[in-house]
Amino acid sequence: MFLADTTTGTPSSTSSSTPWYANLLTQGMSLYQQIELQKTNLARAQQGLPPLTASQYGATVPTATVNVGLSSGTKAALWLVGGGVVLIGIAVISRKRNR
């Protein structure tokens, strides 16, 4: 499977030893285990028992994680756009006052 390298824009292979669907299957199994863990914890909560963690449940596949955040370049671009919107707003308001 090939992905574009974000620094150079050239394709780079992620891993040539594993097929492209292996990661997809791993994430699918992880999702299935998370759903089953939620069902188990719901049943335990109805019985008044404390919830289980993934390791206590016996999840063998690592759970999927999602990184949430903005890169410094994106933050800078958002600040520039926001500053531009503020300046345009000030210009429009001052123009309406001068009429």
N, C-alpha and C. Protein backbone atom coordinates (compact mmCIF):
# COMPACT_ATOMS: atom_id res chain seq x y z
N MET A 1 0.84 -1.18 0.00
CA MET A 1 0.00 0.00 0.00
C MET A 1 0.88 1.23 0.00
N PHE A 2 0.54 2.21 -0.80
CA PHE A 2 1.35 3.41 -0.91
C PHE A 2 0.58 4.61 -0.42
N LEU A 3 1.27 5.44 0.32
CA LEU A 3 0.74 6.71 0.80
C LEU A 3 1.69 7.81 0.38
N ALA A 4 1.19 9.00 0.24
CA ALA A 4 2.04 10.13 -0.11
C ALA A 4 2.77 10.62 1.12
N ASP A 5 4.05 10.85 0.98
CA ASP A 5 4.85 11.42 2.04
C ASP A 5 4.49 12.90 2.14
N THR A 6 4.05 13.33 3.32
CA THR A 6 3.56 14.71 3.47
C THR A 6 4.67 15.74 3.36
N THR A 7 5.91 15.35 3.59
CA THR A 7 6.98 16.34 3.52
C THR A 7 7.47 16.55 2.10
N THR A 8 7.50 15.48 1.28
CA THR A 8 8.02 15.63 -0.07
C THR A 8 6.96 15.43 -1.14
N GLY A 9 5.83 14.82 -0.79
CA GLY A 9 4.78 14.57 -1.76
C GLY A 9 5.02 13.34 -2.61
N THR A 10 6.08 12.59 -2.29
CA THR A 10 6.38 11.39 -3.06
C THR A 10 5.77 10.17 -2.38
N PRO A 11 5.38 9.15 -3.15
CA PRO A 11 4.81 7.95 -2.54
C PRO A 11 5.85 7.23 -1.71
N SER A 12 5.40 6.69 -0.58
CA SER A 12 6.27 5.88 0.27
C SER A 12 5.47 4.68 0.72
N SER A 13 6.10 3.53 0.73
CA SER A 13 5.36 2.32 1.12
C SER A 13 5.32 2.24 2.64
N THR A 14 4.19 1.81 3.18
CA THR A 14 4.05 1.71 4.63
C THR A 14 4.66 0.42 5.14
N SER A 15 4.37 -0.69 4.49
CA SER A 15 4.95 -1.96 4.89
C SER A 15 4.74 -2.94 3.75
N SER A 16 5.81 -3.46 3.23
CA SER A 16 5.68 -4.37 2.10
C SER A 16 5.44 -5.80 2.54
N SER A 17 5.66 -6.11 3.83
CA SER A 17 5.51 -7.49 4.28
C SER A 17 4.07 -7.84 4.64
N THR A 18 3.22 -6.87 4.91
CA THR A 18 1.84 -7.16 5.27
C THR A 18 0.91 -6.73 4.14
N PRO A 19 -0.12 -7.52 3.88
CA PRO A 19 -1.07 -7.13 2.83
C PRO A 19 -1.89 -5.92 3.27
N TRP A 20 -2.46 -5.23 2.30
CA TRP A 20 -3.19 -3.99 2.56
C TRP A 20 -4.40 -4.21 3.46
N TYR A 21 -5.01 -5.37 3.41
CA TYR A 21 -6.22 -5.63 4.18
C TYR A 21 -5.94 -6.06 5.62
N ALA A 22 -4.69 -6.32 5.97
CA ALA A 22 -4.38 -6.79 7.32
C ALA A 22 -4.72 -5.72 8.36
N ASN A 23 -4.37 -4.47 8.08
CA ASN A 23 -4.67 -3.38 9.01
C ASN A 23 -6.18 -3.18 9.12
N LEU A 24 -6.87 -3.31 7.99
CA LEU A 24 -8.33 -3.16 7.99
C LEU A 24 -8.98 -4.26 8.84
N LEU A 25 -8.51 -5.48 8.70
CA LEU A 25 -9.05 -6.58 9.49
C LEU A 25 -8.77 -6.40 10.98
N THR A 26 -7.55 -5.92 11.28
CA THR A 26 -7.19 -5.67 12.68
C THR A 26 -8.11 -4.62 13.29
N GLN A 27 -8.37 -3.53 12.55
CA GLN A 27 -9.25 -2.49 13.07
C GLN A 27 -10.68 -2.97 13.19
N GLY A 28 -11.11 -3.81 12.25
CA GLY A 28 -12.46 -4.36 12.32
C GLY A 28 -12.63 -5.25 13.53
N MET A 29 -11.64 -6.08 13.82
CA MET A 29 -11.71 -6.93 15.00
C MET A 29 -11.67 -6.09 16.27
N SER A 30 -10.86 -5.04 16.25
CA SER A 30 -10.79 -4.15 17.40
C SER A 30 -12.14 -3.49 17.65
N LEU A 31 -12.80 -3.04 16.59
CA LEU A 31 -14.13 -2.44 16.72
C LEU A 31 -15.13 -3.45 17.27
N TYR A 32 -15.08 -4.67 16.77
CA TYR A 32 -15.98 -5.73 17.24
C TYR A 32 -15.75 -5.99 18.73
N GLN A 33 -14.47 -6.05 19.15
CA GLN A 33 -14.17 -6.28 20.56
C GLN A 33 -14.65 -5.12 21.42
N GLN A 34 -14.54 -3.89 20.93
CA GLN A 34 -15.01 -2.74 21.69
C GLN A 34 -16.53 -2.79 21.86
N ILE A 35 -17.24 -3.20 20.81
CA ILE A 35 -18.70 -3.30 20.89
C ILE A 35 -19.10 -4.37 21.89
N GLU A 36 -18.42 -5.52 21.83
CA GLU A 36 -18.72 -6.60 22.77
C GLU A 36 -18.39 -6.18 24.20
N LEU A 37 -17.31 -5.44 24.38
CA LEU A 37 -16.95 -4.95 25.72
C LEU A 37 -18.02 -3.99 26.24
N GLN A 38 -18.55 -3.13 25.36
CA GLN A 38 -19.62 -2.22 25.78
C GLN A 38 -20.87 -3.00 26.19
N LYS A 39 -21.21 -4.04 25.44
CA LYS A 39 -22.38 -4.85 25.78
C LYS A 39 -22.18 -5.54 27.12
N THR A 40 -20.96 -6.05 27.34
CA THR A 40 -20.65 -6.71 28.61
C THR A 40 -20.72 -5.72 29.76
N ASN A 41 -20.15 -4.53 29.57
CA ASN A 41 -20.17 -3.53 30.63
C ASN A 41 -21.58 -3.03 30.91
N LEU A 42 -22.42 -2.95 29.88
CA LEU A 42 -23.81 -2.57 30.10
C LEU A 42 -24.53 -3.60 30.95
N ALA A 43 -24.30 -4.87 30.64
CA ALA A 43 -24.92 -5.95 31.43
C ALA A 43 -24.39 -5.93 32.86
N ARG A 44 -23.10 -5.67 33.03
CA ARG A 44 -22.52 -5.59 34.38
C ARG A 44 -23.09 -4.40 35.15
N ALA A 45 -23.30 -3.27 34.47
CA ALA A 45 -23.85 -2.09 35.13
C ALA A 45 -25.28 -2.36 35.59
N GLN A 46 -26.03 -3.09 34.79
CA GLN A 46 -27.40 -3.43 35.18
C GLN A 46 -27.43 -4.36 36.39
N GLN A 47 -26.36 -5.11 36.58
CA GLN A 47 -26.25 -6.00 37.74
C GLN A 47 -25.58 -5.31 38.93
N GLY A 48 -25.16 -4.07 38.75
CA GLY A 48 -24.53 -3.32 39.82
C GLY A 48 -23.05 -3.62 39.96
N LEU A 49 -22.43 -4.19 38.96
CA LEU A 49 -21.01 -4.52 39.01
C LEU A 49 -20.19 -3.44 38.32
N PRO A 50 -18.92 -3.30 38.70
CA PRO A 50 -18.07 -2.29 38.06
C PRO A 50 -17.72 -2.71 36.62
N PRO A 51 -17.41 -1.75 35.77
CA PRO A 51 -17.07 -2.08 34.38
C PRO A 51 -15.71 -2.75 34.27
N LEU A 52 -15.52 -3.48 33.18
CA LEU A 52 -14.25 -4.12 32.87
C LEU A 52 -13.44 -3.22 31.94
N THR A 53 -12.12 -3.29 32.07
CA THR A 53 -11.25 -2.61 31.10
C THR A 53 -11.00 -3.56 29.95
N ALA A 54 -10.39 -3.06 28.89
CA ALA A 54 -10.12 -3.90 27.72
C ALA A 54 -9.19 -5.06 28.08
N SER A 55 -8.20 -4.81 28.94
CA SER A 55 -7.27 -5.88 29.31
C SER A 55 -7.97 -6.93 30.18
N GLN A 56 -8.89 -6.52 31.04
CA GLN A 56 -9.64 -7.48 31.85
C GLN A 56 -10.59 -8.30 30.98
N TYR A 57 -11.10 -7.70 29.92
CA TYR A 57 -12.02 -8.38 29.03
C TYR A 57 -11.30 -9.42 28.18
N GLY A 58 -10.01 -9.22 27.98
CA GLY A 58 -9.22 -10.16 27.20
C GLY A 58 -9.09 -9.75 25.75
N ALA A 59 -9.12 -8.46 25.48
CA ALA A 59 -8.97 -7.99 24.11
C ALA A 59 -7.53 -8.25 23.68
N THR A 60 -7.36 -9.07 22.65
CA THR A 60 -6.02 -9.41 22.19
C THR A 60 -5.51 -8.44 21.14
N VAL A 61 -6.41 -7.82 20.41
CA VAL A 61 -6.03 -6.86 19.38
C VAL A 61 -6.01 -5.48 20.02
N PRO A 62 -4.95 -4.71 19.83
CA PRO A 62 -4.93 -3.36 20.42
C PRO A 62 -6.07 -2.51 19.87
N THR A 63 -6.64 -1.72 20.75
CA THR A 63 -7.77 -0.89 20.35
C THR A 63 -7.29 0.26 19.48
N ALA A 64 -8.14 0.70 18.59
CA ALA A 64 -7.79 1.79 17.69
C ALA A 64 -7.83 3.10 18.45
N THR A 65 -6.90 3.98 18.11
CA THR A 65 -6.87 5.30 18.73
C THR A 65 -6.96 6.36 17.64
N VAL A 66 -7.45 7.51 18.02
CA VAL A 66 -7.56 8.63 17.09
C VAL A 66 -6.88 9.82 17.72
N ASN A 67 -5.94 10.39 17.00
CA ASN A 67 -5.27 11.60 17.47
C ASN A 67 -6.07 12.81 17.01
N VAL A 68 -6.39 13.66 17.96
CA VAL A 68 -7.17 14.85 17.65
C VAL A 68 -6.31 16.06 17.96
N GLY A 69 -6.21 16.94 17.01
CA GLY A 69 -5.42 18.14 17.22
C GLY A 69 -5.09 18.79 15.90
N LEU A 70 -4.46 19.93 15.98
CA LEU A 70 -4.08 20.67 14.78
C LEU A 70 -2.57 20.80 14.74
N SER A 71 -2.02 20.71 13.56
CA SER A 71 -0.59 20.95 13.42
C SER A 71 -0.31 22.44 13.56
N SER A 72 0.93 22.77 13.75
CA SER A 72 1.27 24.19 13.93
C SER A 72 0.99 24.98 12.65
N GLY A 73 1.18 24.36 11.49
CA GLY A 73 0.88 25.04 10.23
C GLY A 73 -0.59 25.34 10.08
N THR A 74 -1.44 24.39 10.49
CA THR A 74 -2.88 24.59 10.40
C THR A 74 -3.33 25.68 11.38
N LYS A 75 -2.75 25.67 12.57
CA LYS A 75 -3.09 26.71 13.55
C LYS A 75 -2.74 28.09 13.02
N ALA A 76 -1.57 28.20 12.40
CA ALA A 76 -1.14 29.49 11.86
C ALA A 76 -2.08 29.95 10.76
N ALA A 77 -2.49 29.02 9.90
CA ALA A 77 -3.41 29.37 8.82
C ALA A 77 -4.76 29.82 9.37
N LEU A 78 -5.23 29.14 10.39
CA LEU A 78 -6.51 29.53 11.00
C LEU A 78 -6.42 30.90 11.64
N TRP A 79 -5.29 31.21 12.28
CA TRP A 79 -5.12 32.54 12.87
C TRP A 79 -5.12 33.62 11.79
N LEU A 80 -4.47 33.32 10.66
CA LEU A 80 -4.45 34.30 9.56
C LEU A 80 -5.84 34.52 8.99
N VAL A 81 -6.58 33.44 8.80
CA VAL A 81 -7.95 33.57 8.28
C VAL A 81 -8.82 34.32 9.28
N GLY A 82 -8.71 33.97 10.54
CA GLY A 82 -9.49 34.66 11.57
C GLY A 82 -9.15 36.13 11.65
N GLY A 83 -7.87 36.46 11.57
CA GLY A 83 -7.45 37.86 11.59
C GLY A 83 -7.98 38.60 10.37
N GLY A 84 -7.96 37.94 9.22
CA GLY A 84 -8.50 38.56 8.01
C GLY A 84 -9.98 38.84 8.13
N VAL A 85 -10.72 37.90 8.71
CA VAL A 85 -12.16 38.08 8.90
C VAL A 85 -12.43 39.26 9.83
N VAL A 86 -11.65 39.36 10.89
CA VAL A 86 -11.82 40.47 11.84
C VAL A 86 -11.53 41.80 11.15
N LEU A 87 -10.44 41.86 10.38
CA LEU A 87 -10.11 43.11 9.69
C LEU A 87 -11.17 43.51 8.67
N ILE A 88 -11.68 42.56 7.94
CA ILE A 88 -12.75 42.85 6.97
C ILE A 88 -14.00 43.32 7.70
N GLY A 89 -14.31 42.69 8.83
CA GLY A 89 -15.46 43.11 9.62
C GLY A 89 -15.32 44.53 10.13
N ILE A 90 -14.15 44.88 10.59
CA ILE A 90 -13.89 46.25 11.06
C ILE A 90 -14.02 47.23 9.91
N ALA A 91 -13.49 46.87 8.74
CA ALA A 91 -13.58 47.75 7.58
C ALA A 91 -15.04 47.96 7.16
N VAL A 92 -15.84 46.91 7.17
CA VAL A 92 -17.25 47.03 6.78
C VAL A 92 -18.01 47.89 7.77
N ILE A 93 -17.76 47.68 9.06
CA ILE A 93 -18.46 48.47 10.09
C ILE A 93 -18.06 49.94 10.01
N SER A 94 -16.77 50.21 9.82
CA SER A 94 -16.34 51.62 9.75
C SER A 94 -16.86 52.29 8.48
N ARG A 95 -17.00 51.54 7.41
CA ARG A 95 -17.52 52.10 6.17
C ARG A 95 -19.01 52.46 6.34
N LYS A 96 -19.76 51.62 7.04
CA LYS A 96 -21.19 51.90 7.28
C LYS A 96 -21.36 53.12 8.17
N ARG A 97 -20.45 53.33 9.10
CA ARG A 97 -20.56 54.49 9.99
C ARG A 97 -20.27 55.79 9.25
N ASN A 98 -19.40 55.75 8.27
CA ASN A 98 -19.02 56.96 7.52
C ASN A 98 -20.11 57.40 6.56
N ARG A 99 -21.05 56.59 6.24
CA ARG A 99 -22.11 56.96 5.29
C ARG A 99 -23.13 57.86 5.91
